[in-house]
Each structure stands twice: as structure tokens, then as C-alpha cells.
Amino acid sequence: MAESASTLIPAAAASGDLPARDAAKPAQANPFGKKKGEPTAEELLANINRALPFSDEAEKSVLSSLLQDPNERLSESRVNLPIAAFYHEANRTIYEKLLEFYDKNIPIDPVMVTNVLRDQNMLDRVGGPAAITELFTFVPSPAHYLHYKKIVLDKYLLRQLIHACSINIHTAYEFGKEQIDGDVGTLVDQAEQRMLAVRESTGKEDNMKSLSSHVAEAIDSIQYMLEHPGQLRGLSTGYSVLDKLSSGLQGSEMFVIAARPSMGKTSFAMNLIEHISVDCNHAAAVFSLEMSATMLVRRLLVSRAQLSMQDLSRGLLSRAQQEALAKATRDLQKAQIFIDDTPGLDVLEMRAKARRLKKQHNIQVIMIDYLQLVTSSSRRAKDNRQIEIAEISAGIKGIAKELNIPVIVLAQLNRAVEGRKGQRPVLSDLRESGSIEQDADMVGLLTREDYAGGKMEVGDEEEEARKKGQALLILAKNRNGPTDDVPLRFIDYAMRFVERSPEAEPDSP
């Protein structure tokens, strides 16, 4: 039986509150999630041709202050007030001429400015001699120059923001027409860079300092070191010899840890992250392209609790071991370690994620496991592995410099080390080593005697026992310090590296 017509009309329409014709229309879905009172996307695009923000009065006030007090004001504005900050062409032209006068050490006054503009046939462009005279008397005193300049810079930044957004909108529409695979990540990263460039342009004043300022800062840092002897300048690694050689992990540095497979480079890097985050209470980010986050956390728990992974997998833990595991769990739950286990992560996407983590959680160190598994989506890198590795290495170094934090990067060594007597690795053993060597600030080559050197002869049980667990981190490159060997001992059942003296004998089993 067909439903009556009245059942198709909402109650409000049937009661006369709404016209039945409008009430019967289905609700329109809103794909943009627009809140009540906000303009729609169509309305925003319709108003895209609105006038850009500017303040002619503030621009004239700045020029008036510069004309009245050129010696004091122009030296400052030359550094932190760009010509493009003036919206009106006339104001921009006058400011450009004032900077030329300042650079050439020419006296600045309304008469000189008027004559030069007349000689260059530019006087009519700025409004004639009367405009120059009016500018000189536009403000009674240059005392509020900084306030006027801030208004001009704020308007300039708003225009930059609008420009960056316009480019992002245009490139997003154009990308839809091209349909190029693999470039969406690049598009998003470029859009994010444009927005960050606008934000960072607000803090570029006074970057250039005199030598006396740098000397004062250097003396302050030396004084601090004298007052705090033995204190590191960077993040402690938990290994005293490595801390001594590196003075701690420094901001903007790229620390490459390279080894052959199964040498324990992931364990060593996670020992560093554990010490920095758990023991020193610093936030850390881990990009694990080889191992899942669950496995990484399991290894962290085993290493922290000094347990055997095999016993844990079999569920054979004593009461004391369970208590140690519970304590390790509590320690790790308090730590700020953010793990991203996305496989095949693009270096641009990694950079964007690192920016967000730095902004939201103020991470102090990043670990990447490992470099050869990172990808690059640029067209140049698709057909050339050397170019791809170079772009990835440069991108990781760029992350360290941009965020001013150390980045620990794991890398693979090639097979050449296995054919060398003693199997001691060198820098050239790095796969695609040219770009990695160039970008890295420190390179540590990890090796273990019980893996390297080949098989023991029959009857060499004593020598085999001596080598059991002995490891070495060869600091082959250290841009800001000496190079040397860092002796370590590997506790294989707990996947943990600890310090040892060079002549230390292994513990008895």
C-alpha cells in the first residue's frame, strides 16, 4: 500500500512552519565541514579579487621618519624592512631611493631627493615635488617610527600569506589536470614550506651581528663551561667515550651509524634513544621503515629490563624478571618517544611529520631506521639510485638544520668489508657513500668481533670466548671533534650495548 503524501512532508512543513516545497528537499551534504556562519568555499573564491591589505598612512609615516632622521633609522630599516613591504609604487620608489642614498653615503633631505628623482625622470611617478615636501612633514616626530614600521610589516606579511595561499590553490587545481603519480607528497610539502616561510619571515630581524656580539656570546659559553666542568653541550648518548669525542649530540647535526646486517645497529640506536628520552627526559621521534612499532617497543622493554627475548617469547620469566619488566613498562610509558613505522616513507613526508612533532611535542632528537629504505618522489630520482640517495641524504640533513636537532640515521655497509682482512669497516664501505659522507657530521661504523674476522680454528675456544660480545663503534668522521674507537660490549640476549674498557675481558657465562 502506497504511503500518503502527508507522510513525505516533515512535521514542521505540515504545520505551516516551513513551505512544503522547501521542506521536502533532501538535506545537502557539506563536504567542507562548514560551521554555521562561515562563508562557503564558493563565497571565498568569489571574493578572491578583494583589495590586498595595506596602510598608506603607515607607509608615509615610515618615509617621513626616515627623511627626518635618516642616519639612525635607515641603518636599521636597511636590514629588516624590505622594499616589497611598501604596497604603493610611489612609496616604494621613494624608499628605494633613500636606500641608494644611504648606500652611497649621499646626504638625505627633501631637496636632494627631489633633484635626483627629477634627473631620473621619476618625479612625476611619486607625485611631484609637493609629495616629497608633504612626506617630510607628514608626522611631527620620528619617535613612533617602530610603531609605523610594525604596521607596514604586518600588512606585508598578510599580503605574503595571501600570495602563498593563492599559489597553493593554483597548484592544487593544476595538479588535478596533470595526474602525475607520486607528486602529491611533493605538492603538500611545497605548500607547507610556503606557509612556514611566511611564519619564519617574521623573525628575521638582526640576524647579522657584529664580531663583538659573537665574541661576547663565545665568552658566555666558555664561562658556562668553566662553571660547569664536564657538562656536555649537546644531548648525552649514555656512552662516556662517545660523549667525550662528540661533546654530546649537537643540534643540526646528522649522525650516521652504519654496519652490516645483524651487527645490532638498530639496537644501538634504540639504546641511544632510550637514554635520551627515558633517562634524560627529552622527547624523541623514531621513523622505523624496517621494523614494526610493536617489535621496537618489545625490544625496548627487553633491553630496559635486561631480559632475554627468547625467555620472554616462551613466557618463561621469574618473579624478579616480571618485576623488572613492570618497572621498564612504567619507565617507557612516561617517556615521550613517538614511533612512525610507515614503510617506504618519502623524505618530504618525513620532513613534514618531523615539523609537526617539533611544533607539537618539541622533539629533541630523531632516529631513522634506515636510510636506504627512505624514498624520494622526485622525477630525477626515479631512474637513478645515486641521485635518489643524494636527495634523501640532503633531505635528512635539511631536517636536522631546519629543526636544529640531531638526527641519528642508520645505514648499510656494502659487502667489501667482508673481504678485507680483519673486516674493519672504513668510510668507503658505505653504500652510495659519496653523498652520505658529505652530508654527515659524524659517521660511526659498528662492528662486532664475534661476527667479523671469520671462523675460529679448532682449539681456539679461548680466543672465541674473548671475542664473545666485544663490539666497536669506529668514529670514522667527526666534523667538530676527534675520531677514535668507542669500545662496547653487546649483551646479545637483551640486545643492549654497554661500555667496556679496551682490555676488558668478557663476563663469564
Protein backbone atom coordinates (compact mmCIF):
# COMPACT_ATOMS: atom_id res chain seq x y z
CA MET A 1 0.00 0.00 0.00
CA ALA A 2 1.40 3.39 -1.03
CA GLU A 3 2.17 5.91 1.65
CA SER A 4 0.04 9.04 1.81
CA ALA A 5 1.53 12.32 0.61
CA SER A 6 1.45 13.75 4.11
CA THR A 7 3.97 11.20 5.35
CA LEU A 8 6.57 12.51 2.88
CA ILE A 9 6.45 16.02 4.39
CA PRO A 10 8.22 16.75 7.71
CA ALA A 11 6.04 17.74 10.64
CA ALA A 12 7.25 21.36 10.59
CA ALA A 13 6.15 21.75 6.97
CA ALA A 14 2.80 20.13 7.61
CA SER A 15 2.12 22.53 10.49
CA GLY A 16 2.87 25.54 8.30
CA ASP A 17 6.20 26.48 9.86
CA LEU A 18 8.05 25.82 6.57
CA PRO A 19 6.90 25.83 2.96
CA ALA A 20 6.20 22.26 1.99
CA ARG A 21 8.14 22.65 -1.28
CA ASP A 22 11.37 23.60 0.55
CA ALA A 23 10.90 21.16 3.40
CA ALA A 24 10.61 18.22 1.06
CA LYS A 25 14.12 18.87 -0.34
CA PRO A 26 16.76 16.46 0.94
CA ALA A 27 19.46 17.94 3.18
CA GLN A 28 22.56 18.94 1.25
CA ALA A 29 25.75 17.25 2.41
CA ASN A 30 28.57 19.64 3.27
CA PRO A 31 31.90 18.13 2.17
CA PHE A 32 33.88 21.03 3.67
CA GLY A 33 32.51 20.67 7.21
CA LYS A 34 31.47 24.36 7.25
CA LYS A 35 30.33 25.69 10.58
CA LYS A 36 27.33 27.93 10.94
CA GLY A 37 28.12 31.49 9.93
CA GLU A 38 31.29 30.61 7.99
CA PRO A 39 31.50 31.51 4.30
CA THR A 40 31.36 28.67 1.80
CA ALA A 41 34.24 27.81 -0.49
CA GLU A 42 32.34 29.35 -3.41
CA GLU A 43 31.88 32.61 -1.48
CA LEU A 44 35.57 32.73 -0.61
CA LEU A 45 36.60 32.19 -4.22
CA ALA A 46 34.12 34.82 -5.38
CA ASN A 47 35.83 37.36 -3.10
CA ILE A 48 39.34 36.42 -4.15
CA ASN A 49 39.79 39.69 -6.06
CA ARG A 50 39.37 41.87 -2.98
CA ALA A 51 42.00 44.58 -2.37
CA LEU A 52 45.13 43.38 -0.63
CA PRO A 53 45.78 44.71 2.89
CA PHE A 54 47.93 47.85 3.11
CA SER A 55 48.21 51.11 5.05
CA ASP A 56 49.17 54.15 3.00
CA GLU A 57 49.28 56.29 6.16
CA ALA A 58 51.74 53.93 7.88
CA GLU A 59 53.96 53.79 4.78
CA LYS A 60 54.07 57.58 4.57
CA SER A 61 54.76 57.79 8.30
CA VAL A 62 57.76 55.48 7.89
CA LEU A 63 59.11 57.53 4.97
CA SER A 64 58.57 60.76 6.92
CA SER A 65 60.54 59.34 9.86
CA LEU A 66 63.35 58.26 7.54
CA LEU A 67 63.54 61.69 5.93
CA GLN A 68 63.66 63.41 9.29
CA ASP A 69 66.17 61.04 10.91
CA PRO A 70 67.96 59.14 8.11
CA ASN A 71 71.24 58.36 9.88
CA GLU A 72 69.66 56.44 12.74
CA ARG A 73 66.65 54.91 11.03
CA LEU A 74 67.98 53.86 7.63
CA SER A 75 70.74 51.69 9.08
CA GLU A 76 68.05 49.60 10.81
CA SER A 77 65.48 49.58 8.02
CA ARG A 78 68.19 48.59 5.51
CA VAL A 79 68.32 45.19 7.24
CA ASN A 80 64.77 44.41 8.32
CA LEU A 81 62.42 46.47 6.14
CA PRO A 82 62.35 45.10 2.57
CA ILE A 83 61.41 47.31 -0.36
CA ALA A 84 58.50 44.99 -1.15
CA ALA A 85 56.92 45.88 2.21
CA PHE A 86 55.69 49.16 0.62
CA TYR A 87 52.49 48.48 -1.28
CA HIS A 88 52.15 51.74 -3.22
CA GLU A 89 54.59 52.19 -6.07
CA ALA A 90 55.26 55.83 -5.20
CA ASN A 91 56.19 54.97 -1.61
CA ARG A 92 58.25 52.02 -2.79
CA THR A 93 60.17 54.19 -5.25
CA ILE A 94 60.99 56.84 -2.63
CA TYR A 95 62.15 54.21 -0.13
CA GLU A 96 64.35 52.59 -2.77
CA LYS A 97 65.99 55.96 -3.47
CA LEU A 98 66.55 56.59 0.23
CA LEU A 99 68.37 53.26 0.47
CA GLU A 100 70.51 54.19 -2.55
CA PHE A 101 71.42 57.48 -0.89
CA TYR A 102 72.33 55.64 2.30
CA ASP A 103 74.49 53.05 0.47
CA LYS A 104 76.36 55.79 -1.44
CA ASN A 105 76.69 58.00 1.65
CA ILE A 106 74.80 60.87 -0.02
CA PRO A 107 73.17 63.47 2.28
CA ILE A 108 69.41 62.91 2.57
CA ASP A 109 66.91 65.77 2.62
CA PRO A 110 63.79 66.69 0.58
CA VAL A 111 65.76 68.89 -1.84
CA MET A 112 68.32 66.17 -2.69
CA VAL A 113 65.66 63.52 -3.11
CA THR A 114 63.55 65.80 -5.33
CA ASN A 115 66.51 66.70 -7.58
CA VAL A 116 67.61 63.10 -8.07
CA LEU A 117 64.08 61.95 -8.89
CA ARG A 118 63.72 64.82 -11.37
CA ASP A 119 67.06 63.99 -13.05
CA GLN A 120 65.96 60.36 -13.43
CA ASN A 121 62.52 61.35 -14.79
CA MET A 122 60.84 59.68 -11.82
CA LEU A 123 59.47 62.75 -10.02
CA ASP A 124 56.03 62.57 -11.62
CA ARG A 125 55.79 58.90 -10.66
CA VAL A 126 55.89 59.79 -6.96
CA GLY A 127 53.51 62.76 -7.17
CA GLY A 128 55.85 65.70 -7.86
CA PRO A 129 57.84 67.99 -5.50
CA ALA A 130 54.79 68.63 -3.37
CA ALA A 131 54.58 64.93 -2.46
CA ILE A 132 58.18 64.95 -1.16
CA THR A 133 57.55 68.09 0.88
CA GLU A 134 54.35 66.60 2.28
CA LEU A 135 56.21 63.43 3.30
CA PHE A 136 58.80 65.41 5.25
CA THR A 137 56.10 66.98 7.42
CA PHE A 138 53.69 64.03 7.45
CA VAL A 139 54.50 63.16 11.09
CA PRO A 140 55.66 65.74 13.63
CA SER A 141 58.39 63.49 15.04
CA PRO A 142 60.06 60.18 14.12
CA ALA A 143 59.69 58.98 17.71
CA HIS A 144 56.98 56.46 16.76
CA TYR A 145 58.92 55.06 13.82
CA LEU A 146 58.98 51.49 15.22
CA HIS A 147 55.20 51.52 15.58
CA TYR A 148 54.73 52.70 11.99
CA LYS A 149 57.22 50.12 10.74
CA LYS A 150 55.38 47.29 12.53
CA ILE A 151 52.12 48.24 10.80
CA VAL A 152 53.84 48.22 7.41
CA LEU A 153 55.48 44.84 8.09
CA ASP A 154 52.22 43.32 9.38
CA LYS A 155 50.40 44.34 6.21
CA TYR A 156 53.28 43.00 4.14
CA LEU A 157 53.10 39.63 5.92
CA LEU A 158 49.36 39.44 5.33
CA ARG A 159 49.97 40.01 1.62
CA GLN A 160 52.62 37.28 1.65
CA LEU A 161 50.17 34.92 3.34
CA ILE A 162 47.52 35.65 0.73
CA HIS A 163 50.08 35.16 -2.04
CA ALA A 164 51.25 31.81 -0.62
CA CYS A 165 47.67 30.59 -0.26
CA SER A 166 46.86 31.69 -3.81
CA ILE A 167 49.82 29.72 -5.18
CA ASN A 168 48.77 26.67 -3.16
CA ILE A 169 45.23 26.90 -4.55
CA HIS A 170 46.51 27.31 -8.11
CA THR A 171 48.97 24.40 -7.92
CA ALA A 172 46.32 22.16 -6.35
CA TYR A 173 43.92 22.84 -9.23
CA GLU A 174 46.67 22.39 -11.84
CA PHE A 175 47.77 19.10 -10.29
CA GLY A 176 44.28 17.71 -10.82
CA LYS A 177 44.72 18.25 -14.56
CA GLU A 178 48.20 16.71 -14.86
CA GLN A 179 47.51 13.43 -12.97
CA ILE A 180 51.19 12.73 -12.21
CA ASP A 181 51.77 9.74 -9.94
CA GLY A 182 53.85 10.23 -6.81
CA ASP A 183 53.85 14.04 -6.80
CA VAL A 184 51.09 14.67 -4.26
CA GLY A 185 53.56 14.43 -1.38
CA THR A 186 55.84 16.93 -3.10
CA LEU A 187 52.88 19.25 -3.66
CA VAL A 188 51.86 19.11 0.02
CA ASP A 189 55.44 19.64 1.22
CA GLN A 190 55.89 22.65 -1.05
CA ALA A 191 52.60 24.12 0.20
CA GLU A 192 53.70 23.63 3.79
CA GLN A 193 57.09 25.23 3.04
CA ARG A 194 55.39 28.31 1.60
CA MET A 195 53.29 28.71 4.73
CA LEU A 196 56.25 28.17 7.03
CA ALA A 197 58.29 30.70 5.04
CA VAL A 198 55.68 33.35 5.84
CA ARG A 199 55.85 32.48 9.55
CA GLU A 200 59.65 32.42 9.61
CA SER A 201 59.91 35.76 7.82
CA THR A 202 58.57 37.44 10.98
CA GLY A 203 61.72 36.62 12.92
CA LYS A 204 64.49 37.60 10.54
CA GLU A 205 65.47 40.86 12.17
CA ASP A 206 69.02 41.43 13.35
CA ASN A 207 70.40 38.12 12.04
CA MET A 208 73.63 39.83 11.07
CA LYS A 209 75.65 40.57 14.20
CA SER A 210 79.00 42.23 14.67
CA LEU A 211 82.09 40.28 15.70
CA SER A 212 81.92 41.85 19.15
CA SER A 213 78.46 40.30 19.67
CA HIS A 214 79.73 36.86 18.67
CA VAL A 215 82.80 37.25 20.89
CA ALA A 216 80.54 38.12 23.83
CA GLU A 217 78.40 35.04 23.17
CA ALA A 218 81.50 32.84 22.87
CA ILE A 219 82.86 34.18 26.18
CA ASP A 220 79.50 33.48 27.82
CA SER A 221 79.56 29.88 26.58
CA ILE A 222 83.16 29.45 27.75
CA GLN A 223 82.26 30.91 31.14
CA TYR A 224 79.36 28.48 31.40
CA MET A 225 81.65 25.54 30.58
CA LEU A 226 84.16 26.69 33.22
CA GLU A 227 81.39 26.96 35.80
CA HIS A 228 80.02 23.54 34.82
CA PRO A 229 83.10 21.37 34.16
CA GLY A 230 82.41 18.13 32.35
CA GLN A 231 78.88 19.12 31.31
CA LEU A 232 78.02 18.31 27.71
CA ARG A 233 76.98 20.93 25.19
CA GLY A 234 74.64 18.53 23.44
CA LEU A 235 72.47 15.52 24.28
CA SER A 236 74.17 12.76 26.23
CA THR A 237 74.40 9.42 24.41
CA GLY A 238 74.88 7.37 27.58
CA TYR A 239 78.36 6.26 26.45
CA SER A 240 81.12 8.29 28.10
CA VAL A 241 83.75 7.80 25.36
CA LEU A 242 81.30 8.79 22.63
CA ASP A 243 80.16 11.80 24.67
CA LYS A 244 83.77 12.87 25.12
CA LEU A 245 84.51 12.64 21.40
CA SER A 246 81.31 14.37 20.28
CA SER A 247 80.58 16.65 23.28
CA GLY A 248 77.09 15.17 23.04
CA LEU A 249 74.76 15.08 20.06
CA GLN A 250 74.55 18.64 18.74
CA GLY A 251 71.61 20.43 17.14
CA SER A 252 71.51 20.44 13.30
CA GLU A 253 73.96 17.52 13.13
CA MET A 254 73.45 14.29 11.18
CA PHE A 255 74.92 11.21 12.92
CA VAL A 256 75.17 8.18 10.62
CA ILE A 257 75.54 4.75 12.25
CA ALA A 258 76.48 2.16 9.62
CA ALA A 259 77.01 -1.59 9.83
CA ARG A 260 76.49 -4.84 8.02
CA PRO A 261 73.20 -6.68 8.67
CA SER A 262 72.77 -8.32 12.11
CA MET A 263 75.52 -6.25 13.72
CA GLY A 264 72.98 -4.60 16.06
CA LYS A 265 72.77 -1.08 14.66
CA THR A 266 69.04 -0.83 15.42
CA SER A 267 69.68 -1.99 18.99
CA PHE A 268 72.48 0.55 19.43
CA ALA A 269 70.38 3.40 18.04
CA MET A 270 67.44 2.47 20.26
CA ASN A 271 69.81 2.38 23.26
CA LEU A 272 70.67 5.99 22.40
CA ILE A 273 67.01 6.97 22.07
CA GLU A 274 66.12 5.18 25.30
CA HIS A 275 68.82 7.06 27.24
CA ILE A 276 67.91 10.45 25.73
CA SER A 277 64.17 10.04 26.25
CA VAL A 278 63.78 7.86 29.35
CA ASP A 279 66.86 8.81 31.39
CA CYS A 280 67.27 12.42 30.23
CA ASN A 281 63.55 13.19 29.74
CA HIS A 282 63.73 14.55 26.17
CA ALA A 283 61.06 13.92 23.52
CA ALA A 284 62.25 11.80 20.60
CA ALA A 285 60.89 10.67 17.23
CA VAL A 286 61.64 7.32 15.59
CA PHE A 287 60.96 6.61 11.91
CA SER A 288 61.18 2.83 11.60
CA LEU A 289 60.95 1.76 7.98
CA GLU A 290 62.21 -1.80 8.60
CA MET A 291 60.61 -2.91 11.88
CA SER A 292 57.08 -2.53 13.22
CA ALA A 293 56.38 -0.25 16.17
CA THR A 294 55.23 -3.23 18.24
CA MET A 295 58.52 -5.06 17.73
CA LEU A 296 60.52 -1.93 18.50
CA VAL A 297 58.65 -1.40 21.76
CA ARG A 298 59.11 -5.07 22.69
CA ARG A 299 62.85 -4.74 22.14
CA LEU A 300 62.89 -1.54 24.19
CA LEU A 301 61.19 -3.34 27.07
CA VAL A 302 63.59 -6.30 26.91
CA SER A 303 66.63 -4.04 26.73
CA ARG A 304 65.42 -1.78 29.53
CA ALA A 305 64.58 -4.72 31.82
CA GLN A 306 67.75 -6.69 30.88
CA LEU A 307 65.66 -9.72 29.96
CA SER A 308 66.10 -12.45 27.40
CA MET A 309 63.94 -12.05 24.30
CA GLN A 310 63.84 -15.83 23.93
CA ASP A 311 62.61 -16.33 27.51
CA LEU A 312 60.02 -13.60 27.02
CA SER A 313 58.76 -15.18 23.80
CA ARG A 314 58.37 -18.51 25.58
CA GLY A 315 56.75 -16.89 28.61
CA LEU A 316 59.46 -18.15 30.96
CA LEU A 317 60.02 -15.24 33.35
CA SER A 318 60.77 -15.46 37.04
CA ARG A 319 59.07 -13.24 39.60
CA ALA A 320 62.11 -10.92 39.67
CA GLN A 321 62.14 -10.71 35.87
CA GLN A 322 58.43 -9.88 35.80
CA GLU A 323 59.01 -7.08 38.30
CA ALA A 324 61.87 -5.77 36.16
CA LEU A 325 59.57 -5.88 33.13
CA ALA A 326 56.85 -3.99 35.04
CA LYS A 327 59.34 -1.28 36.04
CA ALA A 328 60.59 -0.96 32.45
CA THR A 329 57.00 -0.63 31.30
CA ARG A 330 56.35 2.21 33.74
CA ASP A 331 59.55 3.98 32.63
CA LEU A 332 58.69 3.74 28.95
CA GLN A 333 55.08 4.85 29.47
CA LYS A 334 56.39 8.12 30.95
CA ALA A 335 58.79 8.69 28.07
CA GLN A 336 57.88 10.76 25.02
CA ILE A 337 59.00 8.50 22.18
CA PHE A 338 56.91 8.88 19.02
CA ILE A 339 57.25 5.96 16.58
CA ASP A 340 56.19 6.07 12.93
CA ASP A 341 56.52 2.67 11.23
CA THR A 342 55.16 3.69 7.80
CA PRO A 343 57.03 1.55 5.23
CA GLY A 344 58.70 3.24 2.25
CA LEU A 345 58.31 6.71 3.78
CA ASP A 346 59.09 9.59 1.45
CA VAL A 347 61.73 12.06 2.69
CA LEU A 348 59.39 15.00 2.11
CA GLU A 349 56.59 13.35 4.08
CA MET A 350 59.10 12.55 6.83
CA ARG A 351 60.13 16.20 6.90
CA ALA A 352 56.52 17.33 7.24
CA LYS A 353 55.89 14.87 10.09
CA ALA A 354 59.08 15.96 11.84
CA ARG A 355 57.99 19.61 11.64
CA ARG A 356 54.67 18.79 13.28
CA LEU A 357 56.30 16.73 16.02
CA LYS A 358 58.75 19.54 16.73
CA LYS A 359 55.95 22.08 16.93
CA GLN A 360 53.54 19.93 18.95
CA HIS A 361 55.90 17.99 21.24
CA ASN A 362 59.26 19.83 20.94
CA ILE A 363 61.19 16.69 19.99
CA GLN A 364 64.93 16.96 20.64
CA VAL A 365 66.23 14.08 18.51
CA ILE A 366 65.15 11.96 15.53
CA MET A 367 66.19 8.40 14.66
CA ILE A 368 65.70 6.94 11.16
CA ASP A 369 65.99 3.19 10.54
CA TYR A 370 67.33 3.11 7.91
CA LEU A 371 68.48 5.49 5.17
CA GLN A 372 68.42 3.10 2.21
CA LEU A 373 64.72 2.34 2.84
CA VAL A 374 63.67 6.00 2.62
CA THR A 375 62.33 7.03 -0.79
CA SER A 376 62.31 10.17 -2.89
CA SER A 377 59.39 11.03 -5.17
CA SER A 378 61.19 13.50 -7.43
CA ARG A 379 61.31 12.71 -11.14
CA ARG A 380 65.13 12.91 -11.19
CA ALA A 381 65.41 10.17 -8.57
CA LYS A 382 63.13 7.62 -10.24
CA ASP A 383 65.71 6.21 -12.67
CA ASN A 384 68.95 6.87 -10.80
CA ARG A 385 69.68 5.34 -7.40
CA GLN A 386 72.70 7.58 -6.79
CA ILE A 387 70.61 10.72 -7.28
CA GLU A 388 67.87 9.30 -5.06
CA ILE A 389 70.30 8.57 -2.20
CA ALA A 390 71.83 12.04 -2.60
CA GLU A 391 68.39 13.67 -2.37
CA ILE A 392 67.44 11.55 0.65
CA SER A 393 70.71 12.30 2.45
CA ALA A 394 70.42 16.02 1.72
CA GLY A 395 66.77 15.97 2.81
CA ILE A 396 67.63 14.36 6.16
CA LYS A 397 70.42 16.86 6.73
CA GLY A 398 67.91 19.59 5.89
CA ILE A 399 65.57 18.27 8.61
CA ALA A 400 68.38 18.48 11.18
CA LYS A 401 69.27 22.05 10.18
CA GLU A 402 65.70 23.30 9.92
CA LEU A 403 64.62 21.91 13.30
CA ASN A 404 68.05 22.45 14.91
CA ILE A 405 68.10 18.97 16.46
CA PRO A 406 70.40 15.97 15.94
CA VAL A 407 69.23 13.26 13.55
CA ILE A 408 70.54 9.70 14.01
CA VAL A 409 70.45 7.80 10.72
CA LEU A 410 71.16 4.11 10.27
CA ALA A 411 72.76 2.93 7.05
CA GLN A 412 74.01 -0.28 5.47
CA LEU A 413 77.63 -1.11 4.64
CA ASN A 414 78.43 -2.90 1.40
CA ARG A 415 79.99 -6.37 1.13
CA ALA A 416 83.51 -5.04 0.57
CA VAL A 417 84.17 -5.07 4.31
CA GLU A 418 83.70 -8.85 4.44
CA GLY A 419 86.56 -9.45 2.01
CA ARG A 420 89.02 -7.27 3.94
CA LYS A 421 91.49 -8.79 6.39
CA GLY A 422 90.22 -8.20 9.91
CA GLN A 423 86.94 -6.92 8.43
CA ARG A 424 87.46 -3.45 9.90
CA PRO A 425 85.00 -1.14 8.07
CA VAL A 426 86.02 2.19 6.56
CA LEU A 427 84.04 5.17 5.23
CA SER A 428 84.15 3.96 1.65
CA ASP A 429 82.20 0.84 2.71
CA LEU A 430 79.04 2.92 2.98
CA ARG A 431 76.60 2.12 0.22
CA GLU A 432 76.33 5.10 -2.16
CA SER A 433 78.86 6.63 0.23
CA GLY A 434 79.65 9.89 -1.59
CA SER A 435 76.59 11.91 -0.63
CA ILE A 436 76.24 10.30 2.81
CA GLU A 437 79.86 11.07 3.71
CA GLN A 438 79.42 14.64 2.51
CA ASP A 439 76.21 15.38 4.44
CA ALA A 440 77.00 13.55 7.68
CA ASP A 441 78.59 15.42 10.57
CA MET A 442 79.53 12.18 12.34
CA VAL A 443 79.83 8.66 10.97
CA GLY A 444 80.09 5.68 13.32
CA LEU A 445 80.90 2.27 11.84
CA LEU A 446 79.64 -0.51 14.09
CA THR A 447 81.36 -3.89 14.09
CA ARG A 448 81.44 -6.95 16.37
CA GLU A 449 84.41 -9.25 16.76
CA ASP A 450 82.26 -12.34 17.18
CA TYR A 451 80.72 -11.63 13.74
CA ALA A 452 83.78 -10.21 11.98
CA GLY A 453 87.09 -11.94 11.33
CA GLY A 454 85.86 -15.26 10.10
CA LYS A 455 85.58 -18.60 11.88
CA MET A 456 87.88 -19.63 14.70
CA GLU A 457 90.29 -22.51 14.20
CA VAL A 458 89.75 -25.70 16.16
CA GLY A 459 91.15 -25.30 19.65
CA ASP A 460 90.67 -21.51 19.69
CA GLU A 461 87.86 -21.68 22.21
CA GLU A 462 89.71 -19.24 24.47
CA GLU A 463 90.03 -16.69 21.68
CA GLU A 464 86.38 -17.21 20.74
CA ALA A 465 85.34 -16.62 24.35
CA ARG A 466 87.46 -13.46 24.43
CA LYS A 467 85.72 -12.08 21.37
CA LYS A 468 82.24 -13.03 22.57
CA GLY A 469 80.13 -9.86 22.71
CA GLN A 470 83.01 -7.45 22.02
CA ALA A 471 81.94 -4.63 19.74
CA LEU A 472 83.46 -1.45 18.42
CA LEU A 473 81.97 1.82 17.19
CA ILE A 474 84.57 3.31 14.88
CA LEU A 475 84.00 7.07 14.77
CA ALA A 476 85.36 7.47 11.24
CA LYS A 477 84.19 11.06 10.74
CA ASN A 478 83.65 13.78 13.30
CA ARG A 479 83.30 17.23 11.79
CA ASN A 480 83.57 19.05 15.11
CA GLY A 481 85.92 16.81 17.09
CA PRO A 482 88.44 13.97 17.04
CA THR A 483 87.93 10.49 15.61
CA ASP A 484 88.60 7.36 17.63
CA ASP A 485 87.22 3.96 18.55
CA VAL A 486 84.43 3.55 21.12
CA PRO A 487 84.79 0.10 22.77
CA LEU A 488 81.47 -1.57 23.54
CA ARG A 489 80.13 -4.91 24.70
CA PHE A 490 76.97 -6.39 23.22
CA ILE A 491 74.61 -8.29 25.53
CA ASP A 492 73.01 -10.38 22.82
CA TYR A 493 70.12 -11.89 24.79
CA ALA A 494 68.93 -8.39 25.84
CA MET A 495 70.00 -6.65 22.59
CA ARG A 496 71.87 -3.98 24.55
CA PHE A 497 75.24 -2.30 24.10
CA VAL A 498 77.20 -1.31 27.21
CA GLU A 499 80.57 0.34 27.65
CA ARG A 500 83.77 -1.63 28.19
CA SER A 501 87.42 -0.76 28.62
CA PRO A 502 89.57 -1.69 25.59
CA GLU A 503 91.28 -4.52 27.51
CA ALA A 504 88.16 -5.73 29.35
CA GLU A 505 87.53 -9.44 29.31
CA PRO A 506 84.01 -10.72 28.76
CA ASP A 507 81.98 -11.78 31.74
CA SER A 508 81.96 -15.45 32.49
CA PRO A 509 78.85 -17.21 31.23
